[in-house]
Amino acid sequence: MKEDLFNKTDFFVVKALEDGVNVIGLTRGSDTRFHHTEKLDKGEIMIAQFTEHTSAVKVRGKAIIQTSHGEISNETE
């Protein structure tokens, strides 16, 4: 069953547009908690997916996030 979950889970891409972008994984369950943090520098790319433990991701800092639903950037001009 675990294998089926990972085969059906969409991947997402985070590309840092500045140094120090934080990508924070949040847990599933009745209490949402931080469970993993990655720090990216400008130009670094992280490819990730939601899992049985990760239900949400928070991105701090200027980045481009790409998913199967589209692309979003929090960079302001």
C-alpha atoms as a PDB file:
ATOM      1  CA  MET A   1       0.000   0.000   0.000  1.00  0.00           C
ATOM      2  CA  LYS A   2       2.844   2.409   0.791  1.00  0.00           C
ATOM      3  CA  GLU A   3       4.216   1.927  -2.704  1.00  0.00           C
ATOM      4  CA  ASP A   4       0.833   2.880  -4.230  1.00  0.00           C
ATOM      5  CA  LEU A   5       0.776   6.115  -2.188  1.00  0.00           C
ATOM      6  CA  PHE A   6       4.184   7.196  -3.503  1.00  0.00           C
ATOM      7  CA  ASN A   7       3.369   6.288  -7.109  1.00  0.00           C
ATOM      8  CA  LYS A   8       0.246   8.478  -7.031  1.00  0.00           C
ATOM      9  CA  THR A   9       1.750  11.439  -5.187  1.00  0.00           C
ATOM     10  CA  ASP A  10       2.596  14.532  -7.193  1.00  0.00           C
ATOM     11  CA  PHE A  11       6.044  16.023  -6.978  1.00  0.00           C
ATOM     12  CA  PHE A  12       6.675  19.725  -6.532  1.00  0.00           C
ATOM     13  CA  VAL A  13       9.748  21.817  -7.265  1.00  0.00           C
ATOM     14  CA  VAL A  14      11.067  24.763  -5.265  1.00  0.00           C
ATOM     15  CA  LYS A  15      13.699  27.013  -6.872  1.00  0.00           C
ATOM     16  CA  ALA A  16      15.341  29.573  -4.596  1.00  0.00           C
ATOM     17  CA  LEU A  17      15.538  33.100  -6.014  1.00  0.00           C
ATOM     18  CA  GLU A  18      17.674  34.320  -3.090  1.00  0.00           C
ATOM     19  CA  ASP A  19      19.974  32.868  -0.440  1.00  0.00           C
ATOM     20  CA  GLY A  20      18.365  31.457   2.682  1.00  0.00           C
ATOM     21  CA  VAL A  21      15.018  30.189   1.352  1.00  0.00           C
ATOM     22  CA  ASN A  22      13.457  27.798   3.884  1.00  0.00           C
ATOM     23  CA  VAL A  23      11.300  24.860   2.822  1.00  0.00           C
ATOM     24  CA  ILE A  24       9.451  23.516   5.852  1.00  0.00           C
ATOM     25  CA  GLY A  25       7.522  20.222   5.933  1.00  0.00           C
ATOM     26  CA  LEU A  26       4.429  20.057   8.154  1.00  0.00           C
ATOM     27  CA  THR A  27       3.031  16.846   9.631  1.00  0.00           C
ATOM     28  CA  ARG A  28      -0.335  15.171   9.207  1.00  0.00           C
ATOM     29  CA  GLY A  29      -2.665  14.454  12.102  1.00  0.00           C
ATOM     30  CA  SER A  30      -4.661  16.325  14.700  1.00  0.00           C
ATOM     31  CA  ASP A  31      -1.650  18.504  15.628  1.00  0.00           C
ATOM     32  CA  THR A  32       0.200  20.095  12.703  1.00  0.00           C
ATOM     33  CA  ARG A  33       3.910  20.398  13.515  1.00  0.00           C
ATOM     34  CA  PHE A  34       7.148  21.182  11.716  1.00  0.00           C
ATOM     35  CA  HIS A  35       9.017  17.962  11.004  1.00  0.00           C
ATOM     36  CA  HIS A  36      11.650  18.857   8.425  1.00  0.00           C
ATOM     37  CA  THR A  37      13.389  22.007   7.206  1.00  0.00           C
ATOM     38  CA  GLU A  38      15.723  22.563   4.272  1.00  0.00           C
ATOM     39  CA  LYS A  39      17.609  25.771   3.540  1.00  0.00           C
ATOM     40  CA  LEU A  40      18.268  26.645  -0.107  1.00  0.00           C
ATOM     41  CA  ASP A  41      20.628  29.221  -1.554  1.00  0.00           C
ATOM     42  CA  LYS A  42      20.000  31.208  -4.732  1.00  0.00           C
ATOM     43  CA  GLY A  43      19.672  28.948  -7.755  1.00  0.00           C
ATOM     44  CA  GLU A  44      19.304  25.745  -5.731  1.00  0.00           C
ATOM     45  CA  ILE A  45      16.387  23.491  -6.578  1.00  0.00           C
ATOM     46  CA  MET A  46      14.580  21.028  -4.343  1.00  0.00           C
ATOM     47  CA  ILE A  47      12.323  18.305  -5.740  1.00  0.00           C
ATOM     48  CA  ALA A  48       9.951  16.852  -3.154  1.00  0.00           C
ATOM     49  CA  GLN A  49       6.612  15.132  -2.689  1.00  0.00           C
ATOM     50  CA  PHE A  50       3.889  14.843  -0.102  1.00  0.00           C
ATOM     51  CA  THR A  51       4.064  11.618   1.907  1.00  0.00           C
ATOM     52  CA  GLU A  52       2.148   9.794   4.593  1.00  0.00           C
ATOM     53  CA  HIS A  53       3.949  12.074   7.099  1.00  0.00           C
ATOM     54  CA  THR A  54       3.939  15.384   5.190  1.00  0.00           C
ATOM     55  CA  SER A  55       0.619  17.113   4.518  1.00  0.00           C
ATOM     56  CA  ALA A  56       1.793  20.659   3.814  1.00  0.00           C
ATOM     57  CA  VAL A  57       4.891  22.662   2.937  1.00  0.00           C
ATOM     58  CA  LYS A  58       5.706  26.226   3.890  1.00  0.00           C
ATOM     59  CA  VAL A  59       8.208  28.234   1.823  1.00  0.00           C
ATOM     60  CA  ARG A  60       9.901  31.294   3.365  1.00  0.00           C
ATOM     61  CA  GLY A  61      11.900  33.567   1.103  1.00  0.00           C
ATOM     62  CA  LYS A  62      11.748  34.401  -2.581  1.00  0.00           C
ATOM     63  CA  ALA A  63      11.186  31.249  -4.625  1.00  0.00           C
ATOM     64  CA  ILE A  64       9.391  29.721  -7.560  1.00  0.00           C
ATOM     65  CA  ILE A  65       7.188  26.730  -6.735  1.00  0.00           C
ATOM     66  CA  GLN A  66       6.119  24.418  -9.562  1.00  0.00           C
ATOM     67  CA  THR A  67       3.422  21.753  -9.235  1.00  0.00           C
ATOM     68  CA  SER A  68       1.206  19.798 -11.589  1.00  0.00           C
ATOM     69  CA  HIS A  69      -1.368  22.537 -10.921  1.00  0.00           C
ATOM     70  CA  GLY A  70       0.877  25.343 -12.147  1.00  0.00           C
ATOM     71  CA  GLU A  71       3.669  27.674 -11.066  1.00  0.00           C
ATOM     72  CA  ILE A  72       3.686  30.399  -8.453  1.00  0.00           C
ATOM     73  CA  SER A  73       6.320  32.903  -7.365  1.00  0.00           C
ATOM     74  CA  ASN A  74       6.295  35.131  -4.328  1.00  0.00           C
ATOM     75  CA  GLU A  75       8.823  37.466  -5.911  1.00  0.00           C
ATOM     76  CA  THR A  76       7.497  41.026  -6.153  1.00  0.00           C
ATOM     77  CA  GLU A  77       8.735  43.536  -8.689  1.00  0.00           C
END
